[in-house]
Amino acid sequence: MLDTRSFDIPRFLAVLPLFSDIGSAERERLAEGCSLRRFERGDMIFRVGEPCESFHVVVVGQAKLFVISPAGQEKVIELVSPGSSFAEALMFLGKPCMVNAQALSDTTLLTVERDAVVAELEKDSRFAMRMLAGLSRRLHGLVHDVQAYALQSGVQRVVGYLLRDQVLDDQNGEEARTVSLPVSKATVASRLSLTPEYFSRVLRELEAAGLISVDKRDIHILDSKQLAAYRS
């Protein structure tokens, strides 16, 4: 369990891409507008309609951003891992939250208040550029997702997810690797805009083709090149 009493917020800020280029004095000022918050698995971080006066960085654990359809179905927008931030754009809009956020495991967040961020934006143009770069990356990721959902089949989305961090060691010829699903298959399926049943069916299809083997949440990729080229 993280000891929040001895946690060095300025030092943590220094290793985040968003704050790495600003000076120690600026990080000390930002730290005054930060707080650590703990959430147990399943706790809501914020809900649609609530005020958004801060953004958050995952220190330990994992969070998901999601919406609920009128029919009551959950759509996962993003899975947020340690070192990643969320809700920056919502904070700047000055409007209520448009998505829900929930802890997927016991999670500690660093919450950065809007007033502290705005004060630094007014002082340092470099910080403003870092914020813009971060928001641009988030937008690029969302656009990529929309393109994938519109242009790729369900099988291609699953294969792309399994190979998203794949780096082949061509020199040693090592292709086998293991993907450990960080959350339930149902959550991953929602992130890919698939039903849990379809996601499981694709995994069985890939396993039958000899491309992967599945052991609960561990998916062993047996042939990365063949998997990348696979078409059902």
Protein backbone atom coordinates (compact mmCIF):
# COMPACT_ATOMS: atom_id res chain seq x y z
CA MET A 1 0.00 0.00 0.00
CA LEU A 2 1.32 3.41 -0.99
CA ASP A 3 2.24 5.62 1.96
CA THR A 4 0.56 8.89 1.00
CA ARG A 5 2.07 10.73 3.99
CA SER A 6 5.62 10.41 2.66
CA PHE A 7 4.75 10.63 -1.03
CA ASP A 8 6.88 13.25 -2.79
CA ILE A 9 4.43 15.01 -5.12
CA PRO A 10 6.96 17.38 -6.81
CA ARG A 11 9.26 14.44 -7.54
CA PHE A 12 6.37 12.44 -9.00
CA LEU A 13 5.38 15.39 -11.18
CA ALA A 14 8.96 15.55 -12.52
CA VAL A 15 8.71 12.08 -14.09
CA LEU A 16 5.40 12.75 -15.85
CA PRO A 17 5.73 13.86 -19.50
CA LEU A 18 3.23 16.64 -18.87
CA PHE A 19 5.42 18.30 -16.24
CA SER A 20 8.95 17.10 -17.02
CA ASP A 21 10.02 20.27 -18.85
CA ILE A 22 9.06 22.78 -16.18
CA GLY A 23 11.37 23.87 -13.38
CA SER A 24 11.44 22.73 -9.78
CA ALA A 25 9.93 26.00 -8.55
CA GLU A 26 6.97 25.56 -10.89
CA ARG A 27 6.50 21.95 -9.77
CA GLU A 28 6.55 23.05 -6.14
CA ARG A 29 3.79 25.55 -6.87
CA LEU A 30 1.75 22.95 -8.74
CA ALA A 31 2.20 20.49 -5.88
CA GLU A 32 0.40 22.91 -3.59
CA GLY A 33 -2.67 22.45 -5.76
CA CYS A 34 -2.41 18.64 -5.77
CA SER A 35 -3.78 15.98 -3.48
CA LEU A 36 -3.61 12.19 -3.25
CA ARG A 37 -6.88 10.27 -3.18
CA ARG A 38 -7.44 6.58 -2.60
CA PHE A 39 -10.24 4.54 -4.15
CA GLU A 40 -11.17 0.93 -3.58
CA ARG A 41 -11.99 -1.34 -6.50
CA GLY A 42 -15.38 -0.37 -7.89
CA ASP A 43 -15.46 3.11 -6.33
CA MET A 44 -16.69 5.89 -8.57
CA ILE A 45 -14.16 8.68 -9.12
CA PHE A 46 -16.71 10.98 -10.74
CA ARG A 47 -20.04 10.68 -12.53
CA VAL A 48 -21.70 12.30 -15.51
CA GLY A 49 -23.13 15.67 -14.52
CA GLU A 50 -20.77 16.35 -11.63
CA PRO A 51 -18.58 19.50 -11.68
CA CYS A 52 -15.10 18.98 -13.13
CA GLU A 53 -12.62 21.28 -11.40
CA SER A 54 -9.52 19.10 -11.62
CA PHE A 55 -7.79 16.40 -13.61
CA HIS A 56 -6.18 13.21 -12.37
CA VAL A 57 -3.05 11.08 -12.77
CA VAL A 58 -3.08 7.40 -11.85
CA VAL A 59 -0.27 6.70 -9.37
CA VAL A 60 -1.21 3.11 -8.51
CA GLY A 61 -3.99 0.96 -9.91
CA GLN A 62 -6.21 1.50 -12.93
CA ALA A 63 -9.30 3.48 -13.86
CA LYS A 64 -11.81 3.33 -16.67
CA LEU A 65 -13.75 6.09 -18.36
CA PHE A 66 -17.15 5.03 -19.61
CA VAL A 67 -20.67 6.08 -20.55
CA ILE A 68 -24.01 4.34 -20.19
CA SER A 69 -26.34 4.14 -23.18
CA PRO A 70 -30.09 4.87 -22.86
CA ALA A 71 -30.59 1.10 -23.00
CA GLY A 72 -28.31 0.68 -19.98
CA GLN A 73 -25.30 -0.74 -21.82
CA GLU A 74 -21.82 0.33 -20.74
CA LYS A 75 -19.31 1.62 -23.30
CA VAL A 76 -15.71 1.89 -22.10
CA ILE A 77 -14.04 4.99 -23.56
CA GLU A 78 -10.58 4.56 -22.10
CA LEU A 79 -8.55 2.44 -19.68
CA VAL A 80 -6.09 4.54 -17.69
CA SER A 81 -2.93 2.97 -16.26
CA PRO A 82 -0.25 4.30 -13.83
CA GLY A 83 1.49 7.42 -15.08
CA SER A 84 -1.38 8.39 -17.38
CA SER A 85 -3.74 11.30 -16.84
CA PHE A 86 -7.39 11.90 -17.61
CA ALA A 87 -10.10 14.60 -17.50
CA GLU A 88 -7.82 17.45 -18.62
CA ALA A 89 -10.16 18.43 -21.48
CA LEU A 90 -13.22 18.14 -19.26
CA MET A 91 -11.59 20.43 -16.70
CA PHE A 92 -10.91 23.17 -19.27
CA LEU A 93 -14.43 23.07 -20.71
CA GLY A 94 -15.87 24.45 -17.50
CA LYS A 95 -18.87 22.16 -17.90
CA PRO A 96 -20.10 19.13 -15.93
CA CYS A 97 -18.43 15.77 -16.53
CA MET A 98 -19.58 14.07 -19.73
CA VAL A 99 -18.26 10.60 -18.80
CA ASN A 100 -18.02 8.44 -15.70
CA ALA A 101 -14.75 7.34 -14.11
CA GLN A 102 -14.38 4.28 -11.90
CA ALA A 103 -11.49 2.51 -10.16
CA LEU A 104 -10.92 -0.96 -11.60
CA SER A 105 -8.66 -1.96 -8.71
CA ASP A 106 -7.47 -0.37 -5.49
CA THR A 107 -6.26 2.90 -6.95
CA THR A 108 -4.41 6.02 -5.83
CA LEU A 109 -4.85 9.18 -7.88
CA LEU A 110 -2.97 12.44 -7.89
CA THR A 111 -5.64 15.11 -8.34
CA VAL A 112 -4.46 18.41 -9.82
CA GLU A 113 -6.76 21.37 -9.22
CA ARG A 114 -7.79 23.59 -12.14
CA ASP A 115 -6.78 26.83 -10.42
CA ALA A 116 -3.20 25.59 -9.94
CA VAL A 117 -2.96 24.58 -13.60
CA VAL A 118 -4.38 27.87 -14.88
CA ALA A 119 -1.95 29.85 -12.73
CA GLU A 120 1.01 28.02 -14.30
CA LEU A 121 -0.42 28.33 -17.81
CA GLU A 122 -0.47 32.09 -17.35
CA LYS A 123 3.16 32.10 -16.16
CA ASP A 124 4.84 29.62 -18.53
CA SER A 125 4.13 29.16 -22.24
CA ARG A 126 6.15 25.91 -22.21
CA PHE A 127 3.68 24.40 -19.79
CA ALA A 128 0.81 25.51 -22.03
CA MET A 129 2.45 23.72 -24.97
CA ARG A 130 2.84 20.54 -22.92
CA MET A 131 -0.82 20.63 -21.98
CA LEU A 132 -1.79 21.15 -25.64
CA ALA A 133 0.45 18.26 -26.69
CA GLY A 134 -1.16 15.99 -24.13
CA LEU A 135 -4.66 16.93 -25.27
CA SER A 136 -3.62 16.43 -28.90
CA ARG A 137 -2.36 12.92 -28.16
CA ARG A 138 -5.66 12.08 -26.48
CA LEU A 139 -7.60 13.44 -29.47
CA HIS A 140 -5.38 11.50 -31.89
CA GLY A 141 -6.07 8.32 -29.94
CA LEU A 142 -9.82 8.87 -30.06
CA VAL A 143 -9.74 9.57 -33.80
CA HIS A 144 -7.72 6.39 -34.30
CA ASP A 145 -10.34 4.44 -32.34
CA VAL A 146 -13.18 5.85 -34.43
CA GLN A 147 -11.34 4.92 -37.62
CA ALA A 148 -10.70 1.41 -36.33
CA TYR A 149 -14.34 0.87 -35.35
CA ALA A 150 -15.53 2.14 -38.74
CA LEU A 151 -12.99 0.45 -41.01
CA GLN A 152 -11.80 -2.69 -39.21
CA SER A 153 -13.64 -5.92 -38.58
CA GLY A 154 -14.08 -7.24 -35.08
CA VAL A 155 -11.30 -9.78 -35.65
CA GLN A 156 -8.92 -7.04 -36.80
CA ARG A 157 -9.69 -5.00 -33.66
CA VAL A 158 -8.91 -7.94 -31.39
CA VAL A 159 -5.69 -8.74 -33.28
CA GLY A 160 -4.68 -5.07 -33.15
CA TYR A 161 -5.26 -5.01 -29.40
CA LEU A 162 -3.17 -8.12 -28.83
CA LEU A 163 -0.32 -6.78 -30.97
CA ARG A 164 -0.49 -3.12 -29.93
CA ASP A 165 2.80 -3.28 -28.01
CA GLN A 166 4.42 -5.99 -30.08
CA VAL A 167 8.10 -5.56 -30.89
CA LEU A 168 9.57 -8.51 -32.73
CA ASP A 169 13.09 -9.57 -31.89
CA ASP A 170 14.11 -10.38 -35.46
CA GLN A 171 17.71 -11.00 -34.48
CA ASN A 172 16.86 -13.78 -32.07
CA GLY A 173 13.74 -14.90 -33.90
CA GLU A 174 11.68 -14.66 -30.73
CA GLU A 175 8.04 -14.07 -31.53
CA ALA A 176 6.17 -15.73 -28.69
CA ARG A 177 4.92 -13.38 -25.99
CA THR A 178 2.15 -13.17 -23.43
CA VAL A 179 -0.52 -10.51 -23.17
CA SER A 180 -2.05 -10.34 -19.70
CA LEU A 181 -5.43 -8.68 -19.89
CA PRO A 182 -5.37 -5.90 -17.27
CA VAL A 183 -9.13 -6.09 -16.80
CA SER A 184 -11.95 -8.52 -17.49
CA LYS A 185 -12.63 -9.74 -21.02
CA ALA A 186 -15.97 -7.91 -20.90
CA THR A 187 -14.21 -4.60 -20.20
CA VAL A 188 -11.69 -5.12 -22.99
CA ALA A 189 -14.54 -6.05 -25.34
CA SER A 190 -16.38 -2.84 -24.49
CA ARG A 191 -13.20 -0.85 -25.10
CA LEU A 192 -13.08 -2.40 -28.59
CA SER A 193 -16.81 -1.80 -29.19
CA LEU A 194 -17.50 -5.54 -29.24
CA THR A 195 -19.83 -7.73 -27.21
CA PRO A 196 -18.15 -10.01 -24.64
CA GLU A 197 -19.54 -13.03 -26.50
CA TYR A 198 -18.01 -11.93 -29.79
CA PHE A 199 -14.66 -11.13 -28.16
CA SER A 200 -14.52 -14.62 -26.62
CA ARG A 201 -15.54 -16.18 -29.95
CA VAL A 202 -12.67 -14.41 -31.74
CA LEU A 203 -10.20 -15.64 -29.11
CA ARG A 204 -11.44 -19.20 -29.64
CA GLU A 205 -11.11 -18.77 -33.41
CA LEU A 206 -7.52 -17.53 -33.10
CA GLU A 207 -6.72 -20.35 -30.69
CA ALA A 208 -8.16 -22.94 -33.09
CA ALA A 209 -5.99 -21.46 -35.83
CA GLY A 210 -2.91 -22.11 -33.70
CA LEU A 211 -2.02 -18.44 -33.36
CA ILE A 212 -2.64 -17.99 -29.63
CA SER A 213 -3.33 -20.03 -26.50
CA VAL A 214 -5.59 -18.68 -23.77
CA ASP A 215 -5.10 -19.27 -20.05
CA LYS A 216 -7.73 -17.20 -18.23
CA ARG A 217 -6.49 -13.60 -18.61
CA ASP A 218 -3.12 -14.63 -20.08
CA ILE A 219 -3.08 -14.83 -23.87
CA HIS A 220 0.06 -16.43 -25.28
CA ILE A 221 0.85 -15.27 -28.81
CA LEU A 222 2.42 -18.20 -30.65
CA ASP A 223 3.11 -16.58 -34.01
CA SER A 224 3.00 -12.79 -34.16
CA LYS A 225 3.57 -12.47 -37.90
CA GLN A 226 0.85 -14.95 -38.78
CA LEU A 227 -1.47 -13.33 -36.27
CA ALA A 228 -0.92 -9.90 -37.81
CA ALA A 229 -1.74 -11.31 -41.24
CA TYR A 230 -4.76 -13.31 -40.10
CA ARG A 231 -8.12 -12.73 -41.77
CA SER A 232 -11.18 -14.72 -40.76
